[in-house]
Amino acid sequence: MSATHIWLAIVGMMLVTAATRAFFLLGGERAVLPERVQRALRYAPAAALVAVVLPDVLQTPQGLSFALSNHAFYGTVAGLAWFLWRRGMLGTIVVGMLAYTALRFWA
């Protein structure tokens, strides 16, 4: 790939990024999302987090694994259980890391 192609790709990506981000600003107050869409967008951050974290936690060198040897998965499950029970971020991190470390030493 030549330097010209690289610069064209960079400029093209810049234009596409600017256009997609400015799309919502151009409409101003006139562009109002329906209530149903606004309610659905409240779940977007959690869905994005799950989409990023879950594959990384389940992926092992042998492929997807739910085995006890997948310490990261069970540490994540322990942290999630703590968060659903107590709703505390620090406790979630501590419990998840303790479960992960314990499994690494004993399983």
N, C-alpha and C. Protein backbone atom coordinates (compact mmCIF):
# COMPACT_ATOMS: atom_id res chain seq x y z
N MET A 1 0.86 -1.16 0.00
CA MET A 1 0.00 0.00 0.00
C MET A 1 0.91 1.24 0.00
N SER A 2 0.63 2.16 -0.87
CA SER A 2 1.47 3.35 -0.98
C SER A 2 1.08 4.39 0.08
N ALA A 3 1.93 5.40 0.23
CA ALA A 3 1.67 6.46 1.19
C ALA A 3 0.39 7.22 0.84
N THR A 4 0.12 7.38 -0.45
CA THR A 4 -1.10 8.07 -0.89
C THR A 4 -2.34 7.30 -0.44
N HIS A 5 -2.32 5.99 -0.59
CA HIS A 5 -3.46 5.18 -0.15
C HIS A 5 -3.67 5.26 1.36
N ILE A 6 -2.58 5.27 2.09
CA ILE A 6 -2.69 5.37 3.55
C ILE A 6 -3.31 6.70 3.95
N TRP A 7 -2.83 7.80 3.34
CA TRP A 7 -3.38 9.11 3.68
C TRP A 7 -4.84 9.24 3.24
N LEU A 8 -5.19 8.66 2.10
CA LEU A 8 -6.59 8.68 1.67
C LEU A 8 -7.47 7.90 2.65
N ALA A 9 -6.97 6.79 3.15
CA ALA A 9 -7.73 6.01 4.13
C ALA A 9 -7.91 6.79 5.43
N ILE A 10 -6.85 7.46 5.87
CA ILE A 10 -6.94 8.25 7.10
C ILE A 10 -7.94 9.39 6.95
N VAL A 11 -7.86 10.12 5.83
CA VAL A 11 -8.78 11.23 5.60
C VAL A 11 -10.21 10.71 5.46
N GLY A 12 -10.39 9.59 4.79
CA GLY A 12 -11.72 9.01 4.65
C GLY A 12 -12.31 8.60 5.98
N MET A 13 -11.50 7.97 6.85
CA MET A 13 -11.99 7.59 8.17
C MET A 13 -12.31 8.82 9.01
N MET A 14 -11.52 9.88 8.85
CA MET A 14 -11.78 11.11 9.57
C MET A 14 -13.12 11.71 9.15
N LEU A 15 -13.39 11.72 7.86
CA LEU A 15 -14.65 12.28 7.37
C LEU A 15 -15.85 11.46 7.82
N VAL A 16 -15.73 10.15 7.76
CA VAL A 16 -16.83 9.29 8.19
C VAL A 16 -17.09 9.47 9.69
N THR A 17 -16.03 9.54 10.48
CA THR A 17 -16.19 9.74 11.93
C THR A 17 -16.84 11.08 12.22
N ALA A 18 -16.37 12.14 11.56
CA ALA A 18 -16.93 13.47 11.79
C ALA A 18 -18.40 13.51 11.36
N ALA A 19 -18.73 12.90 10.24
CA ALA A 19 -20.11 12.92 9.76
C ALA A 19 -21.06 12.17 10.70
N THR A 20 -20.62 11.01 11.19
CA THR A 20 -21.52 10.25 12.07
C THR A 20 -21.68 10.92 13.42
N ARG A 21 -20.65 11.60 13.91
CA ARG A 21 -20.78 12.29 15.20
C ARG A 21 -21.54 13.59 15.06
N ALA A 22 -21.42 14.26 13.94
CA ALA A 22 -22.11 15.54 13.75
C ALA A 22 -23.56 15.35 13.33
N PHE A 23 -23.93 14.17 12.92
CA PHE A 23 -25.29 13.92 12.45
C PHE A 23 -26.33 14.33 13.49
N PHE A 24 -26.08 13.99 14.75
CA PHE A 24 -27.05 14.30 15.80
C PHE A 24 -27.03 15.78 16.17
N LEU A 25 -25.91 16.45 15.94
CA LEU A 25 -25.83 17.86 16.27
C LEU A 25 -26.48 18.74 15.21
N LEU A 26 -26.49 18.28 13.97
CA LEU A 26 -27.06 19.09 12.89
C LEU A 26 -28.56 19.27 13.02
N GLY A 27 -29.24 18.27 13.56
CA GLY A 27 -30.69 18.35 13.71
C GLY A 27 -31.12 19.30 14.82
N GLY A 28 -30.26 19.47 15.81
CA GLY A 28 -30.59 20.35 16.92
C GLY A 28 -31.79 19.86 17.70
N GLU A 29 -32.62 20.78 18.11
CA GLU A 29 -33.82 20.45 18.89
C GLU A 29 -34.88 19.77 18.02
N ARG A 30 -34.77 19.93 16.72
CA ARG A 30 -35.80 19.35 15.84
C ARG A 30 -35.74 17.84 15.81
N ALA A 31 -34.55 17.27 16.00
CA ALA A 31 -34.40 15.81 15.95
C ALA A 31 -34.63 15.24 17.34
N VAL A 32 -35.84 14.77 17.59
CA VAL A 32 -36.19 14.19 18.88
C VAL A 32 -36.41 12.70 18.69
N LEU A 33 -35.71 11.91 19.50
CA LEU A 33 -35.87 10.47 19.42
C LEU A 33 -37.15 10.05 20.12
N PRO A 34 -37.82 9.05 19.58
CA PRO A 34 -39.03 8.56 20.24
C PRO A 34 -38.71 8.02 21.64
N GLU A 35 -39.69 8.05 22.50
CA GLU A 35 -39.52 7.60 23.90
C GLU A 35 -39.01 6.16 23.97
N ARG A 36 -39.51 5.32 23.09
CA ARG A 36 -39.11 3.91 23.08
C ARG A 36 -37.62 3.77 22.77
N VAL A 37 -37.12 4.56 21.84
CA VAL A 37 -35.69 4.53 21.49
C VAL A 37 -34.86 5.08 22.65
N GLN A 38 -35.33 6.13 23.29
CA GLN A 38 -34.61 6.69 24.44
C GLN A 38 -34.51 5.69 25.57
N ARG A 39 -35.58 4.94 25.83
CA ARG A 39 -35.53 3.91 26.86
C ARG A 39 -34.56 2.80 26.48
N ALA A 40 -34.54 2.41 25.22
CA ALA A 40 -33.64 1.35 24.77
C ALA A 40 -32.18 1.79 24.85
N LEU A 41 -31.90 3.06 24.61
CA LEU A 41 -30.52 3.56 24.65
C LEU A 41 -29.94 3.57 26.06
N ARG A 42 -30.78 3.49 27.08
CA ARG A 42 -30.27 3.43 28.45
C ARG A 42 -29.47 2.15 28.70
N TYR A 43 -29.74 1.11 27.93
CA TYR A 43 -29.05 -0.17 28.10
C TYR A 43 -27.81 -0.30 27.21
N ALA A 44 -27.53 0.68 26.39
CA ALA A 44 -26.41 0.60 25.46
C ALA A 44 -25.06 0.48 26.18
N PRO A 45 -24.77 1.25 27.22
CA PRO A 45 -23.46 1.08 27.88
C PRO A 45 -23.26 -0.31 28.47
N ALA A 46 -24.28 -0.86 29.10
CA ALA A 46 -24.15 -2.20 29.68
C ALA A 46 -23.98 -3.24 28.59
N ALA A 47 -24.71 -3.10 27.50
CA ALA A 47 -24.58 -4.04 26.39
C ALA A 47 -23.19 -3.97 25.76
N ALA A 48 -22.66 -2.77 25.63
CA ALA A 48 -21.31 -2.61 25.07
C ALA A 48 -20.27 -3.22 26.00
N LEU A 49 -20.43 -3.03 27.30
CA LEU A 49 -19.50 -3.61 28.25
C LEU A 49 -19.51 -5.13 28.20
N VAL A 50 -20.69 -5.71 28.14
CA VAL A 50 -20.80 -7.17 28.03
C VAL A 50 -20.17 -7.65 26.74
N ALA A 51 -20.39 -6.94 25.64
CA ALA A 51 -19.84 -7.34 24.35
C ALA A 51 -18.32 -7.28 24.33
N VAL A 52 -17.74 -6.42 25.13
CA VAL A 52 -16.28 -6.32 25.17
C VAL A 52 -15.69 -7.31 26.17
N VAL A 53 -16.29 -7.45 27.35
CA VAL A 53 -15.71 -8.25 28.43
C VAL A 53 -15.96 -9.74 28.23
N LEU A 54 -17.16 -10.15 27.89
CA LEU A 54 -17.50 -11.57 27.84
C LEU A 54 -16.63 -12.39 26.90
N PRO A 55 -16.38 -11.96 25.66
CA PRO A 55 -15.48 -12.76 24.82
C PRO A 55 -14.08 -12.89 25.41
N ASP A 56 -13.58 -11.83 26.04
CA ASP A 56 -12.25 -11.88 26.62
C ASP A 56 -12.20 -12.83 27.80
N VAL A 57 -13.28 -12.91 28.57
CA VAL A 57 -13.32 -13.78 29.74
C VAL A 57 -13.50 -15.24 29.32
N LEU A 58 -14.28 -15.50 28.31
CA LEU A 58 -14.55 -16.88 27.90
C LEU A 58 -13.48 -17.47 27.00
N GLN A 59 -12.70 -16.64 26.34
CA GLN A 59 -11.72 -17.12 25.37
C GLN A 59 -10.48 -17.66 26.07
N THR A 60 -10.10 -18.88 25.73
CA THR A 60 -8.86 -19.49 26.19
C THR A 60 -8.06 -19.90 24.96
N PRO A 61 -6.81 -20.30 25.14
CA PRO A 61 -6.05 -20.75 23.96
C PRO A 61 -6.69 -21.94 23.24
N GLN A 62 -7.49 -22.72 23.96
CA GLN A 62 -8.17 -23.87 23.34
C GLN A 62 -9.53 -23.51 22.75
N GLY A 63 -9.98 -22.30 22.91
CA GLY A 63 -11.30 -21.87 22.42
C GLY A 63 -12.15 -21.39 23.59
N LEU A 64 -13.47 -21.32 23.36
CA LEU A 64 -14.38 -20.90 24.44
C LEU A 64 -14.42 -21.98 25.51
N SER A 65 -14.38 -21.55 26.79
CA SER A 65 -14.32 -22.53 27.87
C SER A 65 -15.15 -22.08 29.06
N PHE A 66 -15.96 -23.02 29.56
CA PHE A 66 -16.69 -22.84 30.81
C PHE A 66 -16.12 -23.74 31.90
N ALA A 67 -14.98 -24.37 31.62
CA ALA A 67 -14.37 -25.31 32.55
C ALA A 67 -13.86 -24.59 33.79
N LEU A 68 -13.66 -25.33 34.87
CA LEU A 68 -13.17 -24.75 36.11
C LEU A 68 -11.76 -24.18 35.93
N SER A 69 -11.05 -24.63 34.93
CA SER A 69 -9.71 -24.11 34.67
C SER A 69 -9.74 -22.70 34.07
N ASN A 70 -10.92 -22.23 33.66
CA ASN A 70 -11.05 -20.86 33.15
C ASN A 70 -11.31 -19.94 34.35
N HIS A 71 -10.22 -19.57 35.03
CA HIS A 71 -10.31 -18.81 36.26
C HIS A 71 -10.94 -17.44 36.06
N ALA A 72 -10.67 -16.81 34.94
CA ALA A 72 -11.20 -15.47 34.68
C ALA A 72 -12.73 -15.49 34.62
N PHE A 73 -13.31 -16.52 34.02
CA PHE A 73 -14.77 -16.62 33.92
C PHE A 73 -15.40 -16.72 35.31
N TYR A 74 -14.87 -17.60 36.15
CA TYR A 74 -15.47 -17.79 37.47
C TYR A 74 -15.18 -16.62 38.40
N GLY A 75 -14.07 -15.94 38.22
CA GLY A 75 -13.83 -14.70 38.96
C GLY A 75 -14.83 -13.64 38.56
N THR A 76 -15.14 -13.57 37.27
CA THR A 76 -16.14 -12.62 36.78
C THR A 76 -17.53 -12.95 37.33
N VAL A 77 -17.87 -14.23 37.34
CA VAL A 77 -19.17 -14.65 37.87
C VAL A 77 -19.27 -14.30 39.36
N ALA A 78 -18.19 -14.52 40.12
CA ALA A 78 -18.21 -14.19 41.55
C ALA A 78 -18.37 -12.68 41.75
N GLY A 79 -17.65 -11.90 40.96
CA GLY A 79 -17.79 -10.44 41.05
C GLY A 79 -19.18 -9.98 40.68
N LEU A 80 -19.76 -10.58 39.65
CA LEU A 80 -21.12 -10.23 39.24
C LEU A 80 -22.12 -10.58 40.34
N ALA A 81 -21.95 -11.75 40.95
CA ALA A 81 -22.86 -12.15 42.03
C ALA A 81 -22.77 -11.16 43.19
N TRP A 82 -21.56 -10.76 43.55
CA TRP A 82 -21.40 -9.78 44.63
C TRP A 82 -22.07 -8.47 44.25
N PHE A 83 -21.87 -8.01 43.03
CA PHE A 83 -22.46 -6.74 42.62
C PHE A 83 -23.98 -6.80 42.65
N LEU A 84 -24.57 -7.90 42.19
CA LEU A 84 -26.02 -8.02 42.20
C LEU A 84 -26.56 -8.09 43.62
N TRP A 85 -25.76 -8.60 44.55
CA TRP A 85 -26.19 -8.71 45.94
C TRP A 85 -26.02 -7.41 46.70
N ARG A 86 -24.85 -6.75 46.58
CA ARG A 86 -24.53 -5.59 47.40
C ARG A 86 -24.49 -4.26 46.66
N ARG A 87 -24.37 -4.27 45.35
CA ARG A 87 -24.30 -3.05 44.54
C ARG A 87 -23.10 -2.17 44.87
N GLY A 88 -21.99 -2.78 45.25
CA GLY A 88 -20.79 -2.01 45.58
C GLY A 88 -19.67 -2.32 44.60
N MET A 89 -19.06 -1.30 44.02
CA MET A 89 -18.04 -1.51 43.02
C MET A 89 -16.74 -2.05 43.63
N LEU A 90 -16.31 -1.50 44.77
CA LEU A 90 -15.07 -1.97 45.38
C LEU A 90 -15.19 -3.43 45.80
N GLY A 91 -16.30 -3.80 46.39
CA GLY A 91 -16.52 -5.19 46.77
C GLY A 91 -16.54 -6.11 45.57
N THR A 92 -17.10 -5.64 44.48
CA THR A 92 -17.14 -6.43 43.26
C THR A 92 -15.73 -6.76 42.78
N ILE A 93 -14.87 -5.75 42.79
CA ILE A 93 -13.50 -5.96 42.34
C ILE A 93 -12.76 -6.90 43.29
N VAL A 94 -12.92 -6.67 44.58
CA VAL A 94 -12.21 -7.50 45.58
C VAL A 94 -12.68 -8.95 45.49
N VAL A 95 -13.98 -9.18 45.46
CA VAL A 95 -14.50 -10.55 45.42
C VAL A 95 -14.09 -11.24 44.12
N GLY A 96 -14.20 -10.54 43.01
CA GLY A 96 -13.80 -11.13 41.73
C GLY A 96 -12.33 -11.51 41.71
N MET A 97 -11.47 -10.63 42.20
CA MET A 97 -10.04 -10.92 42.22
C MET A 97 -9.69 -12.02 43.22
N LEU A 98 -10.38 -12.05 44.37
CA LEU A 98 -10.13 -13.13 45.33
C LEU A 98 -10.52 -14.49 44.74
N ALA A 99 -11.67 -14.54 44.07
CA ALA A 99 -12.10 -15.80 43.46
C ALA A 99 -11.13 -16.21 42.35
N TYR A 100 -10.71 -15.26 41.54
CA TYR A 100 -9.76 -15.53 40.46
C TYR A 100 -8.44 -16.06 41.02
N THR A 101 -7.93 -15.39 42.06
CA THR A 101 -6.65 -15.80 42.64
C THR A 101 -6.75 -17.15 43.32
N ALA A 102 -7.84 -17.38 44.05
CA ALA A 102 -8.03 -18.67 44.72
C ALA A 102 -8.09 -19.81 43.70
N LEU A 103 -8.79 -19.60 42.62
CA LEU A 103 -8.88 -20.64 41.59
C LEU A 103 -7.52 -20.87 40.93
N ARG A 104 -6.74 -19.84 40.75
CA ARG A 104 -5.42 -20.00 40.14
C ARG A 104 -4.51 -20.83 41.04
N PHE A 105 -4.65 -20.66 42.36
CA PHE A 105 -3.79 -21.40 43.28
C PHE A 105 -4.26 -22.83 43.53
N TRP A 106 -5.59 -23.03 43.59
CA TRP A 106 -6.10 -24.34 44.00
C TRP A 106 -6.79 -25.16 42.93
N ALA A 107 -7.09 -24.59 41.80
CA ALA A 107 -7.79 -25.39 40.77
C ALA A 107 -6.92 -25.64 39.57
